[in-house]
Each structure stands twice: as structure tokens, then as C-alpha cells.
Amino acid sequence: YEDKIGRRSIRVMDLRSETNLDNRLDNVLLHHNAIR
């Protein structure tokens, strides 16, 4: 839910496009890997 509010979550629709999935993963992992 935090990622959803932070506008970085992966949504069901993102699974339809490999290109879009790439971009979305870059965004969410930038946040989470920094914390990790």
C-alpha cells in the first residue's frame, strides 16, 4: 500500500507489457534497494 500511495507500485495491467514492466520495476526497485 505504501508503494501504491508513492506511485511506484506494479499493477496487474503492467504485466501485459514487457517494456512497461521494465520501467515500473526500475522505479520501485530504486526505492526498495536503497532502503535494503
Full PDB file with SEQRES, HELIX, SHEET, SSBOND, CRYST1, ORIGX, SCALE, CONECT and MASTER records, all heavy atoms in Angstrom:
SEQRES   1 A   36  TYR GLU ASP LYS ILE GLY ARG ARG SER ILE ARG VAL MET          
SEQRES   2 A   36  ASP LEU ARG SER GLU THR ASN LEU ASP ASN ARG LEU ASP          
SEQRES   3 A   36  ASN VAL LEU LEU HIS HIS ASN ALA ILE ARG                      
HELIX    1 AA1 GLU A    2  ILE A    5  1                                   4    
HELIX    2 AA2 VAL A   12  ARG A   16  5                                   5    
HELIX    3 AA3 GLU A   18  ILE A   35  1                                  18    
CRYST1    1.000    1.000    1.000  90.00  90.00  90.00 P 1           1          
ORIGX1      1.000000  0.000000  0.000000        0.00000                         
ORIGX2      0.000000  1.000000  0.000000        0.00000                         
ORIGX3      0.000000  0.000000  1.000000        0.00000                         
SCALE1      1.000000  0.000000  0.000000        0.00000                         
SCALE2      0.000000  1.000000  0.000000        0.00000                         
SCALE3      0.000000  0.000000  1.000000        0.00000                         
ATOM      1  N   TYR A   1       0.824  -1.206   0.000  1.00  0.00           N  
ATOM      2  CA  TYR A   1       0.000   0.000   0.000  1.00  0.00           C  
ATOM      3  C   TYR A   1       0.865   1.267   0.000  1.00  0.00           C  
ATOM      4  O   TYR A   1       0.497   2.282  -0.598  1.00  0.00           O  
ATOM      5  CB  TYR A   1      -0.947   0.009   1.197  1.00  0.00           C  
ATOM      6  CG  TYR A   1      -2.255  -0.727   0.960  1.00  0.00           C  
ATOM      7  CD1 TYR A   1      -2.587  -1.843   1.701  1.00  0.00           C  
ATOM      8  CD2 TYR A   1      -3.158  -0.282   0.003  1.00  0.00           C  
ATOM      9  CE1 TYR A   1      -3.784  -2.510   1.495  1.00  0.00           C  
ATOM     10  CE2 TYR A   1      -4.364  -0.944  -0.215  1.00  0.00           C  
ATOM     11  CZ  TYR A   1      -4.675  -2.058   0.531  1.00  0.00           C  
ATOM     12  OH  TYR A   1      -5.856  -2.713   0.313  1.00  0.00           O  
ATOM     13  N   GLU A   2       2.008   1.220   0.681  1.00  0.00           N  
ATOM     14  CA  GLU A   2       2.918   2.367   0.675  1.00  0.00           C  
ATOM     15  C   GLU A   2       3.395   2.680  -0.743  1.00  0.00           C  
ATOM     16  O   GLU A   2       3.453   3.834  -1.165  1.00  0.00           O  
ATOM     17  CB  GLU A   2       4.124   2.091   1.575  1.00  0.00           C  
ATOM     18  CG  GLU A   2       3.804   2.092   3.058  1.00  0.00           C  
ATOM     19  CD  GLU A   2       5.002   1.688   3.884  1.00  0.00           C  
ATOM     20  OE1 GLU A   2       6.138   2.030   3.482  1.00  0.00           O  
ATOM     21  OE2 GLU A   2       4.831   1.037   4.920  1.00  0.00           O  
ATOM     22  N   ASP A   3       3.752   1.639  -1.478  1.00  0.00           N  
ATOM     23  CA  ASP A   3       4.188   1.831  -2.858  1.00  0.00           C  
ATOM     24  C   ASP A   3       3.048   2.344  -3.738  1.00  0.00           C  
ATOM     25  O   ASP A   3       3.265   3.138  -4.657  1.00  0.00           O  
ATOM     26  CB  ASP A   3       4.738   0.527  -3.436  1.00  0.00           C  
ATOM     27  CG  ASP A   3       6.164   0.254  -2.993  1.00  0.00           C  
ATOM     28  OD1 ASP A   3       6.792   1.156  -2.397  1.00  0.00           O  
ATOM     29  OD2 ASP A   3       6.660  -0.866  -3.225  1.00  0.00           O  
ATOM     30  N   LYS A   4       1.847   1.887  -3.461  1.00  0.00           N  
ATOM     31  CA  LYS A   4       0.687   2.376  -4.210  1.00  0.00           C  
ATOM     32  C   LYS A   4       0.520   3.885  -4.007  1.00  0.00           C  
ATOM     33  O   LYS A   4       0.366   4.641  -4.979  1.00  0.00           O  
ATOM     34  CB  LYS A   4      -0.570   1.625  -3.774  1.00  0.00           C  
ATOM     35  CG  LYS A   4      -1.839   2.100  -4.463  1.00  0.00           C  
ATOM     36  CD  LYS A   4      -3.049   1.305  -3.984  1.00  0.00           C  
ATOM     37  CE  LYS A   4      -4.333   1.804  -4.646  1.00  0.00           C  
ATOM     38  NZ  LYS A   4      -5.511   0.989  -4.240  1.00  0.00           N  
ATOM     39  N   ILE A   5       0.545   4.316  -2.767  1.00  0.00           N  
ATOM     40  CA  ILE A   5       0.415   5.740  -2.458  1.00  0.00           C  
ATOM     41  C   ILE A   5       1.617   6.515  -2.986  1.00  0.00           C  
ATOM     42  O   ILE A   5       1.499   7.667  -3.424  1.00  0.00           O  
ATOM     43  CB  ILE A   5       0.250   5.958  -0.940  1.00  0.00           C  
ATOM     44  CG1 ILE A   5      -1.022   5.280  -0.435  1.00  0.00           C  
ATOM     45  CG2 ILE A   5       0.227   7.441  -0.601  1.00  0.00           C  
ATOM     46  CD1 ILE A   5      -2.295   5.762  -1.093  1.00  0.00           C  
ATOM     47  N   GLY A   6       2.790   5.892  -2.997  1.00  0.00           N  
ATOM     48  CA  GLY A   6       4.003   6.525  -3.504  1.00  0.00           C  
ATOM     49  C   GLY A   6       4.121   6.497  -5.021  1.00  0.00           C  
ATOM     50  O   GLY A   6       5.135   6.937  -5.568  1.00  0.00           O  
ATOM     51  N   ARG A   7       3.094   5.954  -5.687  1.00  0.00           N  
ATOM     52  CA  ARG A   7       3.004   5.916  -7.146  1.00  0.00           C  
ATOM     53  C   ARG A   7       4.139   5.137  -7.807  1.00  0.00           C  
ATOM     54  O   ARG A   7       4.617   5.499  -8.884  1.00  0.00           O  
ATOM     55  CB  ARG A   7       2.928   7.344  -7.712  1.00  0.00           C  
ATOM     56  CG  ARG A   7       1.675   8.084  -7.298  1.00  0.00           C  
ATOM     57  CD  ARG A   7       1.769   9.562  -7.548  1.00  0.00           C  
ATOM     58  NE  ARG A   7       2.773  10.178  -6.686  1.00  0.00           N  
ATOM     59  CZ  ARG A   7       2.972  11.466  -6.540  1.00  0.00           C  
ATOM     60  NH1 ARG A   7       2.234  12.314  -7.191  1.00  0.00           N  
ATOM     61  NH2 ARG A   7       3.915  11.945  -5.757  1.00  0.00           N  
ATOM     62  N   ARG A   8       4.558   4.079  -7.155  1.00  0.00           N  
ATOM     63  CA  ARG A   8       5.616   3.255  -7.726  1.00  0.00           C  
ATOM     64  C   ARG A   8       5.246   1.768  -7.776  1.00  0.00           C  
ATOM     65  O   ARG A   8       6.114   0.938  -8.070  1.00  0.00           O  
ATOM     66  CB  ARG A   8       6.921   3.443  -6.931  1.00  0.00           C  
ATOM     67  CG  ARG A   8       6.836   3.245  -5.498  1.00  0.00           C  
ATOM     68  CD  ARG A   8       8.125   3.461  -4.742  1.00  0.00           C  
ATOM     69  NE  ARG A   8       7.825   3.336  -3.313  1.00  0.00           N  
ATOM     70  CZ  ARG A   8       7.633   4.371  -2.500  1.00  0.00           C  
ATOM     71  NH1 ARG A   8       7.699   5.613  -2.956  1.00  0.00           N  
ATOM     72  NH2 ARG A   8       7.338   4.174  -1.223  1.00  0.00           N  
ATOM     73  N   SER A   9       4.001   1.413  -7.487  1.00  0.00           N  
ATOM     74  CA  SER A   9       3.633   0.005  -7.426  1.00  0.00           C  
ATOM     75  C   SER A   9       3.529  -0.611  -8.820  1.00  0.00           C  
ATOM     76  O   SER A   9       3.313   0.087  -9.825  1.00  0.00           O  
ATOM     77  CB  SER A   9       2.317  -0.181  -6.672  1.00  0.00           C  
ATOM     78  OG  SER A   9       1.243   0.381  -7.366  1.00  0.00           O  
ATOM     79  N   ILE A  10       3.692  -1.920  -8.861  1.00  0.00           N  
ATOM     80  CA  ILE A  10       3.427  -2.705 -10.065  1.00  0.00           C  
ATOM     81  C   ILE A  10       1.966  -3.119 -10.012  1.00  0.00           C  
ATOM     82  O   ILE A  10       1.520  -3.707  -9.018  1.00  0.00           O  
ATOM     83  CB  ILE A  10       4.320  -3.960 -10.140  1.00  0.00           C  
ATOM     84  CG1 ILE A  10       5.794  -3.593  -9.972  1.00  0.00           C  
ATOM     85  CG2 ILE A  10       4.076  -4.709 -11.454  1.00  0.00           C  
ATOM     86  CD1 ILE A  10       6.373  -2.775 -11.060  1.00  0.00           C  
ATOM     87  N   ARG A  11       1.212  -2.808 -11.071  1.00  0.00           N  
ATOM     88  CA  ARG A  11      -0.202  -3.155 -11.092  1.00  0.00           C  
ATOM     89  C   ARG A  11      -0.447  -4.311 -12.056  1.00  0.00           C  
ATOM     90  O   ARG A  11       0.403  -4.630 -12.879  1.00  0.00           O  
ATOM     91  CB  ARG A  11      -1.050  -1.947 -11.459  1.00  0.00           C  
ATOM     92  CG  ARG A  11      -0.885  -0.792 -10.469  1.00  0.00           C  
ATOM     93  CD  ARG A  11      -1.951   0.266 -10.621  1.00  0.00           C  
ATOM     94  NE  ARG A  11      -1.857   1.010 -11.859  1.00  0.00           N  
ATOM     95  CZ  ARG A  11      -2.756   1.920 -12.245  1.00  0.00           C  
ATOM     96  NH1 ARG A  11      -3.799   2.195 -11.485  1.00  0.00           N  
ATOM     97  NH2 ARG A  11      -2.593   2.557 -13.392  1.00  0.00           N  
ATOM     98  N   VAL A  12      -1.606  -4.911 -11.948  1.00  0.00           N  
ATOM     99  CA  VAL A  12      -1.935  -6.061 -12.791  1.00  0.00           C  
ATOM    100  C   VAL A  12      -1.729  -5.720 -14.262  1.00  0.00           C  
ATOM    101  O   VAL A  12      -1.146  -6.499 -15.028  1.00  0.00           O  
ATOM    102  CB  VAL A  12      -3.387  -6.528 -12.529  1.00  0.00           C  
ATOM    103  CG1 VAL A  12      -3.802  -7.581 -13.559  1.00  0.00           C  
ATOM    104  CG2 VAL A  12      -3.527  -7.086 -11.110  1.00  0.00           C  
ATOM    105  N   MET A  13      -2.176  -4.565 -14.689  1.00  0.00           N  
ATOM    106  CA  MET A  13      -2.076  -4.164 -16.096  1.00  0.00           C  
ATOM    107  C   MET A  13      -0.643  -4.097 -16.595  1.00  0.00           C  
ATOM    108  O   MET A  13      -0.381  -4.253 -17.792  1.00  0.00           O  
ATOM    109  CB  MET A  13      -2.750  -2.815 -16.307  1.00  0.00           C  
ATOM    110  CG  MET A  13      -2.052  -1.655 -15.592  1.00  0.00           C  
ATOM    111  SD  MET A  13      -2.911  -0.070 -15.815  1.00  0.00           S  
ATOM    112  CE  MET A  13      -4.345  -0.293 -14.797  1.00  0.00           C  
ATOM    113  N   ASP A  14       0.319  -3.875 -15.669  1.00  0.00           N  
ATOM    114  CA  ASP A  14       1.722  -3.766 -16.059  1.00  0.00           C  
ATOM    115  C   ASP A  14       2.290  -5.091 -16.559  1.00  0.00           C  
ATOM    116  O   ASP A  14       3.333  -5.106 -17.218  1.00  0.00           O  
ATOM    117  CB  ASP A  14       2.562  -3.250 -14.892  1.00  0.00           C  
ATOM    118  CG  ASP A  14       2.197  -1.826 -14.498  1.00  0.00           C  
ATOM    119  OD1 ASP A  14       1.879  -1.027 -15.402  1.00  0.00           O  
ATOM    120  OD2 ASP A  14       2.221  -1.510 -13.292  1.00  0.00           O  
ATOM    121  N   LEU A  15       1.633  -6.182 -16.256  1.00  0.00           N  
ATOM    122  CA  LEU A  15       2.094  -7.494 -16.713  1.00  0.00           C  
ATOM    123  C   LEU A  15       1.843  -7.706 -18.202  1.00  0.00           C  
ATOM    124  O   LEU A  15       2.374  -8.648 -18.796  1.00  0.00           O  
ATOM    125  CB  LEU A  15       1.410  -8.612 -15.910  1.00  0.00           C  
ATOM    126  CG  LEU A  15       1.631  -8.611 -14.390  1.00  0.00           C  
ATOM    127  CD1 LEU A  15       0.841  -9.750 -13.748  1.00  0.00           C  
ATOM    128  CD2 LEU A  15       3.100  -8.723 -14.047  1.00  0.00           C  
ATOM    129  N   ARG A  16       1.033  -6.842 -18.811  1.00  0.00           N  
ATOM    130  CA  ARG A  16       0.717  -7.003 -20.236  1.00  0.00           C  
ATOM    131  C   ARG A  16       1.855  -6.553 -21.146  1.00  0.00           C  
ATOM    132  O   ARG A  16       1.948  -7.002 -22.286  1.00  0.00           O  
ATOM    133  CB  ARG A  16      -0.537  -6.187 -20.581  1.00  0.00           C  
ATOM    134  CG  ARG A  16      -1.816  -6.672 -19.977  1.00  0.00           C  
ATOM    135  CD  ARG A  16      -3.014  -6.037 -20.662  1.00  0.00           C  
ATOM    136  NE  ARG A  16      -4.267  -6.527 -20.096  1.00  0.00           N  
ATOM    137  CZ  ARG A  16      -5.112  -5.788 -19.417  1.00  0.00           C  
ATOM    138  NH1 ARG A  16      -4.849  -4.516 -19.220  1.00  0.00           N  
ATOM    139  NH2 ARG A  16      -6.227  -6.298 -18.930  1.00  0.00           N  
ATOM    140  N   SER A  17       2.719  -5.646 -20.663  1.00  0.00           N  
ATOM    141  CA  SER A  17       3.764  -5.058 -21.494  1.00  0.00           C  
ATOM    142  C   SER A  17       5.129  -5.253 -20.857  1.00  0.00           C  
ATOM    143  O   SER A  17       5.376  -4.762 -19.750  1.00  0.00           O  
ATOM    144  CB  SER A  17       3.497  -3.559 -21.694  1.00  0.00           C  
ATOM    145  OG  SER A  17       4.621  -2.895 -22.211  1.00  0.00           O  
ATOM    146  N   GLU A  18       6.023  -5.949 -21.556  1.00  0.00           N  
ATOM    147  CA  GLU A  18       7.358  -6.171 -21.017  1.00  0.00           C  
ATOM    148  C   GLU A  18       8.115  -4.853 -20.867  1.00  0.00           C  
ATOM    149  O   GLU A  18       8.847  -4.644 -19.903  1.00  0.00           O  
ATOM    150  CB  GLU A  18       8.133  -7.128 -21.932  1.00  0.00           C  
ATOM    151  CG  GLU A  18       9.464  -7.555 -21.355  1.00  0.00           C  
ATOM    152  CD  GLU A  18      10.138  -8.655 -22.155  1.00  0.00           C  
ATOM    153  OE1 GLU A  18       9.465  -9.324 -22.966  1.00  0.00           O  
ATOM    154  OE2 GLU A  18      11.357  -8.834 -21.957  1.00  0.00           O  
ATOM    155  N   THR A  19       7.915  -3.949 -21.823  1.00  0.00           N  
ATOM    156  CA  THR A  19       8.575  -2.652 -21.768  1.00  0.00           C  
ATOM    157  C   THR A  19       8.099  -1.846 -20.560  1.00  0.00           C  
ATOM    158  O   THR A  19       8.900  -1.270 -19.818  1.00  0.00           O  
ATOM    159  CB  THR A  19       8.311  -1.858 -23.050  1.00  0.00           C  
ATOM    160  OG1 THR A  19       8.780  -2.595 -24.174  1.00  0.00           O  
ATOM    161  CG2 THR A  19       9.018  -0.504 -23.003  1.00  0.00           C  
ATOM    162  N   ASN A  20       6.773  -1.821 -20.378  1.00  0.00           N  
ATOM    163  CA  ASN A  20       6.218  -1.087 -19.239  1.00  0.00           C  
ATOM    164  C   ASN A  20       6.646  -1.710 -17.920  1.00  0.00           C  
ATOM    165  O   ASN A  20       6.958  -1.002 -16.956  1.00  0.00           O  
ATOM    166  CB  ASN A  20       4.691  -1.058 -19.330  1.00  0.00           C  
ATOM    167  CG  ASN A  20       4.076  -0.118 -18.315  1.00  0.00           C  
ATOM    168  OD1 ASN A  20       4.487   1.032 -18.191  1.00  0.00           O  
ATOM    169  ND2 ASN A  20       3.100  -0.613 -17.571  1.00  0.00           N  
ATOM    170  N   LEU A  21       6.687  -3.038 -17.883  1.00  0.00           N  
ATOM    171  CA  LEU A  21       7.112  -3.742 -16.675  1.00  0.00           C  
ATOM    172  C   LEU A  21       8.553  -3.385 -16.327  1.00  0.00           C  
ATOM    173  O   LEU A  21       8.901  -3.181 -15.162  1.00  0.00           O  
ATOM    174  CB  LEU A  21       6.951  -5.247 -16.848  1.00  0.00           C  
ATOM    175  CG  LEU A  21       7.268  -6.120 -15.618  1.00  0.00           C  
ATOM    176  CD1 LEU A  21       6.391  -5.745 -14.428  1.00  0.00           C  
ATOM    177  CD2 LEU A  21       7.094  -7.603 -15.954  1.00  0.00           C  
ATOM    178  N   ASP A  22       9.396  -3.287 -17.355  1.00  0.00           N  
ATOM    179  CA  ASP A  22      10.787  -2.872 -17.147  1.00  0.00           C  
ATOM    180  C   ASP A  22      10.857  -1.519 -16.442  1.00  0.00           C  
ATOM    181  O   ASP A  22      11.575  -1.344 -15.455  1.00  0.00           O  
ATOM    182  CB  ASP A  22      11.507  -2.771 -18.500  1.00  0.00           C  
ATOM    183  CG  ASP A  22      12.317  -4.015 -18.841  1.00  0.00           C  
ATOM    184  OD1 ASP A  22      12.806  -4.661 -17.908  1.00  0.00           O  
ATOM    185  OD2 ASP A  22      12.455  -4.319 -20.034  1.00  0.00           O  
ATOM    186  N   ASN A  23      10.120  -0.576 -16.967  1.00  0.00           N  
ATOM    187  CA  ASN A  23      10.137   0.785 -16.421  1.00  0.00           C  
ATOM    188  C   ASN A  23       9.590   0.833 -14.997  1.00  0.00           C  
ATOM    189  O   ASN A  23      10.143   1.525 -14.132  1.00  0.00           O  
ATOM    190  CB  ASN A  23       9.324   1.717 -17.317  1.00  0.00           C  
ATOM    191  CG  ASN A  23       9.949   1.908 -18.683  1.00  0.00           C  
ATOM    192  OD1 ASN A  23      11.165   1.809 -18.834  1.00  0.00           O  
ATOM    193  ND2 ASN A  23       9.124   2.175 -19.695  1.00  0.00           N  
ATOM    194  N   ARG A  24       8.517   0.107 -14.763  1.00  0.00           N  
ATOM    195  CA  ARG A  24       7.913   0.104 -13.448  1.00  0.00           C  
ATOM    196  C   ARG A  24       8.831  -0.563 -12.415  1.00  0.00           C  
ATOM    197  O   ARG A  24       8.924  -0.121 -11.269  1.00  0.00           O  
ATOM    198  CB  ARG A  24       6.563  -0.619 -13.480  1.00  0.00           C  
ATOM    199  CG  ARG A  24       5.518  -0.007 -14.418  1.00  0.00           C  
ATOM    200  CD  ARG A  24       5.250   1.462 -14.112  1.00  0.00           C  
ATOM    201  NE  ARG A  24       4.790   1.636 -12.745  1.00  0.00           N  
ATOM    202  CZ  ARG A  24       4.882   2.783 -12.100  1.00  0.00           C  
ATOM    203  NH1 ARG A  24       5.454   3.834 -12.684  1.00  0.00           N  
ATOM    204  NH2 ARG A  24       4.432   2.875 -10.871  1.00  0.00           N  
ATOM    205  N   LEU A  25       9.505  -1.628 -12.820  1.00  0.00           N  
ATOM    206  CA  LEU A  25      10.431  -2.308 -11.908  1.00  0.00           C  
ATOM    207  C   LEU A  25      11.625  -1.416 -11.573  1.00  0.00           C  
ATOM    208  O   LEU A  25      12.099  -1.396 -10.434  1.00  0.00           O  
ATOM    209  CB  LEU A  25      10.906  -3.627 -12.518  1.00  0.00           C  
ATOM    210  CG  LEU A  25       9.906  -4.794 -12.448  1.00  0.00           C  
ATOM    211  CD1 LEU A  25      10.398  -5.964 -13.279  1.00  0.00           C  
ATOM    212  CD2 LEU A  25       9.669  -5.243 -11.005  1.00  0.00           C  
ATOM    213  N   ASP A  26      12.121  -0.685 -12.574  1.00  0.00           N  
ATOM    214  CA  ASP A  26      13.217   0.261 -12.313  1.00  0.00           C  
ATOM    215  C   ASP A  26      12.807   1.243 -11.222  1.00  0.00           C  
ATOM    216  O   ASP A  26      13.588   1.542 -10.297  1.00  0.00           O  
ATOM    217  CB  ASP A  26      13.574   1.036 -13.587  1.00  0.00           C  
ATOM    218  CG  ASP A  26      14.400   0.215 -14.569  1.00  0.00           C  
ATOM    219  OD1 ASP A  26      15.048  -0.760 -14.137  1.00  0.00           O  
ATOM    220  OD2 ASP A  26      14.377   0.547 -15.777  1.00  0.00           O  
ATOM    221  N   ASN A  27      11.601   1.728 -11.314  1.00  0.00           N  
ATOM    222  CA  ASN A  27      11.109   2.748 -10.388  1.00  0.00           C  
ATOM    223  C   ASN A  27      10.968   2.198  -8.967  1.00  0.00           C  
ATOM    224  O   ASN A  27      11.441   2.807  -8.005  1.00  0.00           O  
ATOM    225  CB  ASN A  27       9.758   3.269 -10.886  1.00  0.00           C  
ATOM    226  CG  ASN A  27       9.289   4.493 -10.113  1.00  0.00           C  
ATOM    227  OD1 ASN A  27      10.078   5.345  -9.732  1.00  0.00           O  
ATOM    228  ND2 ASN A  27       7.989   4.581  -9.890  1.00  0.00           N  
ATOM    229  N   VAL A  28      10.322   1.047  -8.836  1.00  0.00           N  
ATOM    230  CA  VAL A  28      10.065   0.515  -7.498  1.00  0.00           C  
ATOM    231  C   VAL A  28      11.339  -0.025  -6.846  1.00  0.00           C  
ATOM    232  O   VAL A  28      11.538   0.112  -5.636  1.00  0.00           O  
ATOM    233  CB  VAL A  28       8.946  -0.561  -7.535  1.00  0.00           C  
ATOM    234  CG1 VAL A  28       9.429  -1.859  -8.174  1.00  0.00           C  
ATOM    235  CG2 VAL A  28       8.400  -0.824  -6.142  1.00  0.00           C  
ATOM    236  N   LEU A  29      12.246  -0.618  -7.650  1.00  0.00           N  
ATOM    237  CA  LEU A  29      13.479  -1.157  -7.083  1.00  0.00           C  
ATOM    238  C   LEU A  29      14.464  -0.060  -6.700  1.00  0.00           C  
ATOM    239  O   LEU A  29      15.272  -0.245  -5.781  1.00  0.00           O  
ATOM    240  CB  LEU A  29      14.128  -2.138  -8.065  1.00  0.00           C  
ATOM    241  CG  LEU A  29      13.383  -3.473  -8.223  1.00  0.00           C  
ATOM    242  CD1 LEU A  29      14.063  -4.337  -9.280  1.00  0.00           C  
ATOM    243  CD2 LEU A  29      13.326  -4.231  -6.891  1.00  0.00           C  
ATOM    244  N   LEU A  30      14.407   1.084  -7.379  1.00  0.00           N  
ATOM    245  CA  LEU A  30      15.238   2.221  -6.984  1.00  0.00           C  
ATOM    246  C   LEU A  30      14.950   2.592  -5.534  1.00  0.00           C  
ATOM    247  O   LEU A  30      15.863   2.877  -4.752  1.00  0.00           O  
ATOM    248  CB  LEU A  30      14.964   3.409  -7.908  1.00  0.00           C  
ATOM    249  CG  LEU A  30      15.725   4.720  -7.589  1.00  0.00           C  
ATOM    250  CD1 LEU A  30      17.227   4.536  -7.812  1.00  0.00           C  
ATOM    251  CD2 LEU A  30      15.179   5.864  -8.445  1.00  0.00           C  
ATOM    252  N   HIS A  31      13.691   2.575  -5.171  1.00  0.00           N  
ATOM    253  CA  HIS A  31      13.269   2.903  -3.808  1.00  0.00           C  
ATOM    254  C   HIS A  31      13.649   1.796  -2.826  1.00  0.00           C  
ATOM    255  O   HIS A  31      14.303   2.055  -1.807  1.00  0.00           O  
ATOM    256  CB  HIS A  31      11.754   3.125  -3.791  1.00  0.00           C  
ATOM    257  CG  HIS A  31      11.178   3.308  -2.430  1.00  0.00           C  
ATOM    258  ND1 HIS A  31      11.209   4.512  -1.754  1.00  0.00           N  
ATOM    259  CD2 HIS A  31      10.552   2.423  -1.603  1.00  0.00           C  
ATOM    260  CE1 HIS A  31      10.634   4.368  -0.577  1.00  0.00           C  
ATOM    261  NE2 HIS A  31      10.215   3.112  -0.463  1.00  0.00           N  
ATOM    262  N   HIS A  32      13.249   0.574  -3.126  1.00  0.00           N  
ATOM    263  CA  HIS A  32      13.422  -0.512  -2.169  1.00  0.00           C  
ATOM    264  C   HIS A  32      14.875  -0.934  -1.995  1.00  0.00           C  
ATOM    265  O   HIS A  32      15.317  -1.219  -0.875  1.00  0.00           O  
ATOM    266  CB  HIS A  32      12.560  -1.714  -2.577  1.00  0.00           C  
ATOM    267  CG  HIS A  32      11.139  -1.577  -2.167  1.00  0.00           C  
ATOM    268  ND1 HIS A  32      10.670  -1.958  -0.923  1.00  0.00           N  
ATOM    269  CD2 HIS A  32      10.066  -1.075  -2.820  1.00  0.00           C  
ATOM    270  CE1 HIS A  32       9.378  -1.701  -0.834  1.00  0.00           C  
ATOM    271  NE2 HIS A  32       8.990  -1.174  -1.979  1.00  0.00           N  
ATOM    272  N   ASN A  33      15.632  -0.966  -3.065  1.00  0.00           N  
ATOM    273  CA  ASN A  33      17.025  -1.371  -2.939  1.00  0.00           C  
ATOM    274  C   ASN A  33      17.847  -0.351  -2.174  1.00  0.00           C  
ATOM    275  O   ASN A  33      18.815  -0.707  -1.490  1.00  0.00           O  
ATOM    276  CB  ASN A  33      17.629  -1.641  -4.316  1.00  0.00           C  
ATOM    277  CG  ASN A  33      17.248  -3.021  -4.846  1.00  0.00           C  
ATOM    278  OD1 ASN A  33      16.865  -3.908  -4.086  1.00  0.00           O  
ATOM    279  ND2 ASN A  33      17.369  -3.202  -6.158  1.00  0.00           N  
ATOM    280  N   ALA A  34      17.480   0.915  -2.261  1.00  0.00           N  
ATOM    281  CA  ALA A  34      18.168   1.944  -1.469  1.00  0.00           C  
ATOM    282  C   ALA A  34      17.968   1.677   0.024  1.00  0.00           C  
ATOM    283  O   ALA A  34      18.918   1.784   0.819  1.00  0.00           O  
ATOM    284  CB  ALA A  34      17.650   3.329  -1.848  1.00  0.00           C  
ATOM    285  N   ILE A  35      16.760   1.352   0.398  1.00  0.00           N  
ATOM    286  CA  ILE A  35      16.462   1.030   1.794  1.00  0.00           C  
ATOM    287  C   ILE A  35      17.185  -0.244   2.211  1.00  0.00           C  
ATOM    288  O   ILE A  35      17.771  -0.322   3.303  1.00  0.00           O  
ATOM    289  CB  ILE A  35      14.944   0.880   2.003  1.00  0.00           C  
ATOM    290  CG1 ILE A  35      14.245   2.218   1.739  1.00  0.00           C  
ATOM    291  CG2 ILE A  35      14.640   0.389   3.417  1.00  0.00           C  
ATOM    292  CD1 ILE A  35      12.728   2.128   1.753  1.00  0.00           C  
ATOM    293  N   ARG A  36      17.174  -1.240   1.335  1.00  0.00           N  
ATOM    294  CA  ARG A  36      17.792  -2.521   1.661  1.00  0.00           C  
ATOM    295  C   ARG A  36      19.308  -2.386   1.824  1.00  0.00           C  
ATOM    296  O   ARG A  36      19.911  -3.049   2.668  1.00  0.00           O  
ATOM    297  CB  ARG A  36      17.436  -3.549   0.591  1.00  0.00           C  
ATOM    298  CG  ARG A  36      15.933  -3.846   0.519  1.00  0.00           C  
ATOM    299  CD  ARG A  36      15.625  -4.897  -0.547  1.00  0.00           C  
ATOM    300  NE  ARG A  36      16.086  -6.210  -0.144  1.00  0.00           N  
ATOM    301  CZ  ARG A  36      15.384  -7.051   0.608  1.00  0.00           C  
ATOM    302  NH1 ARG A  36      14.180  -6.719   1.023  1.00  0.00           N  
ATOM    303  NH2 ARG A  36      15.882  -8.227   0.941  1.00  0.00           N  
TER     304      ARG A  36                                                      
MASTER        0    0    0    3    0    0    0    6  303    1    0    3          
END                                                                             
